[in-house]
C-alpha atoms as a PDB file:
ATOM      1  CA  UNK A   1    -256.767 -31.597 -83.162  1.00  0.00           C
ATOM      2  CA  UNK A   2    -258.383 -29.838 -80.223  1.00  0.00           C
ATOM      3  CA  UNK A   3    -257.053 -29.974 -76.703  1.00  0.00           C
ATOM      4  CA  UNK A   4    -260.048 -32.015 -75.533  1.00  0.00           C
ATOM      5  CA  UNK A   5    -259.601 -34.683 -78.207  1.00  0.00           C
ATOM      6  CA  UNK A   6    -255.853 -34.807 -77.507  1.00  0.00           C
ATOM      7  CA  UNK A   7    -256.594 -35.266 -73.811  1.00  0.00           C
ATOM      8  CA  UNK A   8    -259.108 -38.028 -74.542  1.00  0.00           C
ATOM      9  CA  UNK A   9    -256.586 -39.762 -76.785  1.00  0.00           C
ATOM     10  CA  UNK A  10    -253.854 -39.468 -74.151  1.00  0.00           C
ATOM     11  CA  UNK A  11    -256.118 -40.921 -71.456  1.00  0.00           C
ATOM     12  CA  UNK A  12    -257.258 -43.681 -73.805  1.00  0.00           C
ATOM     13  CA  UNK A  13    -253.640 -44.534 -74.591  1.00  0.00           C
ATOM     14  CA  UNK A  14    -252.711 -44.568 -70.921  1.00  0.00           C
ATOM     15  CA  UNK A  15    -255.600 -46.868 -70.029  1.00  0.00           C
ATOM     16  CA  UNK A  16    -255.033 -49.193 -72.996  1.00  0.00           C
ATOM     17  CA  UNK A  17    -253.000 -51.756 -70.973  1.00  0.00           C
ATOM     18  CA  UNK A  18    -256.104 -52.394 -68.854  1.00  0.00           C
ATOM     19  CA  UNK A  19    -257.589 -54.242 -71.820  1.00  0.00           C
ATOM     20  CA  UNK A  20    -255.115 -57.032 -71.055  1.00  0.00           C
ATOM     21  CA  UNK A  21    -256.721 -59.377 -68.532  1.00  0.00           C
ATOM     22  CA  UNK A  22    -253.523 -59.995 -66.575  1.00  0.00           C
ATOM     23  CA  UNK A  23    -252.801 -56.294 -66.187  1.00  0.00           C
ATOM     24  CA  UNK A  24    -256.371 -55.577 -65.126  1.00  0.00           C
ATOM     25  CA  UNK A  25    -256.239 -58.345 -62.521  1.00  0.00           C
ATOM     26  CA  UNK A  26    -252.954 -57.050 -61.145  1.00  0.00           C
ATOM     27  CA  UNK A  27    -254.256 -53.473 -60.901  1.00  0.00           C
ATOM     28  CA  UNK A  28    -257.389 -54.740 -59.140  1.00  0.00           C
ATOM     29  CA  UNK A  29    -255.324 -56.809 -56.692  1.00  0.00           C
ATOM     30  CA  UNK A  30    -253.013 -53.880 -55.905  1.00  0.00           C
ATOM     31  CA  UNK A  31    -256.025 -51.609 -55.385  1.00  0.00           C
ATOM     32  CA  UNK A  32    -257.719 -54.094 -53.042  1.00  0.00           C
ATOM     33  CA  UNK A  33    -254.517 -54.683 -51.056  1.00  0.00           C
ATOM     34  CA  UNK A  34    -253.979 -50.953 -50.690  1.00  0.00           C
ATOM     35  CA  UNK A  35    -257.563 -50.381 -49.618  1.00  0.00           C
ATOM     36  CA  UNK A  36    -257.332 -53.280 -47.178  1.00  0.00           C
ATOM     37  CA  UNK A  37    -254.147 -51.888 -45.697  1.00  0.00           C
ATOM     38  CA  UNK A  38    -255.771 -48.510 -45.182  1.00  0.00           C
ATOM     39  CA  UNK A  39    -258.756 -50.119 -43.446  1.00  0.00           C
ATOM     40  CA  UNK A  40    -256.412 -50.913 -40.551  1.00  0.00           C
ATOM     41  CA  UNK A  41    -255.861 -47.208 -39.968  1.00  0.00           C
ATOM     42  CA  UNK A  42    -259.550 -46.429 -40.435  1.00  0.00           C
ATOM     43  CA  UNK A  43    -260.668 -48.706 -37.619  1.00  0.00           C
ATOM     44  CA  UNK A  44    -257.649 -48.435 -35.315  1.00  0.00           C
ATOM     45  CA  UNK A  45    -258.820 -45.212 -33.669  1.00  0.00           C
ATOM     46  CA  UNK A  46    -262.322 -46.414 -32.756  1.00  0.00           C
ATOM     47  CA  UNK A  47    -260.953 -49.763 -31.529  1.00  0.00           C
ATOM     48  CA  UNK A  48    -258.376 -48.073 -29.282  1.00  0.00           C
ATOM     49  CA  UNK A  49    -261.035 -45.668 -28.022  1.00  0.00           C
ATOM     50  CA  UNK A  50    -263.435 -48.514 -27.233  1.00  0.00           C
ATOM     51  CA  UNK A  51    -260.732 -50.600 -25.560  1.00  0.00           C
ATOM     52  CA  UNK A  52    -259.154 -47.855 -23.439  1.00  0.00           C
ATOM     53  CA  UNK A  53    -261.887 -45.261 -23.107  1.00  0.00           C
ATOM     54  CA  UNK A  54    -259.381 -42.764 -24.504  1.00  0.00           C
ATOM     55  CA  UNK A  55    -257.450 -42.394 -27.721  1.00  0.00           C
ATOM     56  CA  UNK A  56    -254.342 -41.022 -25.977  1.00  0.00           C
ATOM     57  CA  UNK A  57    -252.377 -44.189 -26.829  1.00  0.00           C
ATOM     58  CA  UNK A  58    -253.091 -43.858 -30.552  1.00  0.00           C
ATOM     59  CA  UNK A  59    -249.971 -41.837 -31.501  1.00  0.00           C
ATOM     60  CA  UNK A  60    -247.683 -44.318 -29.719  1.00  0.00           C
ATOM     61  CA  UNK A  61    -249.493 -47.225 -31.364  1.00  0.00           C
ATOM     62  CA  UNK A  62    -249.162 -45.655 -34.818  1.00  0.00           C
ATOM     63  CA  UNK A  63    -245.461 -44.963 -34.187  1.00  0.00           C
ATOM     64  CA  UNK A  64    -244.990 -48.589 -33.146  1.00  0.00           C
ATOM     65  CA  UNK A  65    -246.744 -49.851 -36.266  1.00  0.00           C
ATOM     66  CA  UNK A  66    -244.544 -47.621 -38.435  1.00  0.00           C
ATOM     67  CA  UNK A  67    -241.330 -48.691 -36.735  1.00  0.00           C
ATOM     68  CA  UNK A  68    -242.241 -52.373 -37.007  1.00  0.00           C
ATOM     69  CA  UNK A  69    -242.939 -51.836 -40.710  1.00  0.00           C
ATOM     70  CA  UNK A  70    -239.570 -50.177 -41.294  1.00  0.00           C
ATOM     71  CA  UNK A  71    -237.661 -52.811 -39.335  1.00  0.00           C
ATOM     72  CA  UNK A  72    -239.420 -55.672 -41.103  1.00  0.00           C
ATOM     73  CA  UNK A  73    -238.799 -54.088 -44.510  1.00  0.00           C
ATOM     74  CA  UNK A  74    -235.103 -53.694 -43.750  1.00  0.00           C
ATOM     75  CA  UNK A  75    -234.718 -57.114 -42.105  1.00  0.00           C
ATOM     76  CA  UNK A  76    -236.187 -59.133 -44.960  1.00  0.00           C
ATOM     77  CA  UNK A  77    -234.472 -58.219 -48.230  1.00  0.00           C
ATOM     78  CA  UNK A  78    -236.138 -59.022 -51.495  1.00  0.00           C
ATOM     79  CA  UNK A  79    -234.604 -61.619 -53.831  1.00  0.00           C
ATOM     80  CA  UNK A  80    -233.320 -58.800 -56.054  1.00  0.00           C
ATOM     81  CA  UNK A  81    -231.355 -57.275 -53.181  1.00  0.00           C
ATOM     82  CA  UNK A  82    -229.912 -60.692 -52.324  1.00  0.00           C
ATOM     83  CA  UNK A  83    -228.930 -61.232 -55.952  1.00  0.00           C
ATOM     84  CA  UNK A  84    -227.141 -57.868 -56.110  1.00  0.00           C
ATOM     85  CA  UNK A  85    -225.209 -58.405 -52.892  1.00  0.00           C
ATOM     86  CA  UNK A  86    -224.893 -62.157 -52.808  1.00  0.00           C
END
């Protein structure tokens, strides 16, 4: 077996779960959510620039967004964390 055919087989085996409709839908949903989340960062700079005339506040705004994300992740435990500790 050549390296190319082994690579094709390995990729085919790794992508095989996508033939299941539920798995494909979940991968598509995760991709769209990730892309949607990144759109926030894509447009944040131009919006801040248009609103303030300067993008000097952008680093502080990004730091605030990050800190709010960390605090909210720590403040709202998942059911699995509650089950382990509760």
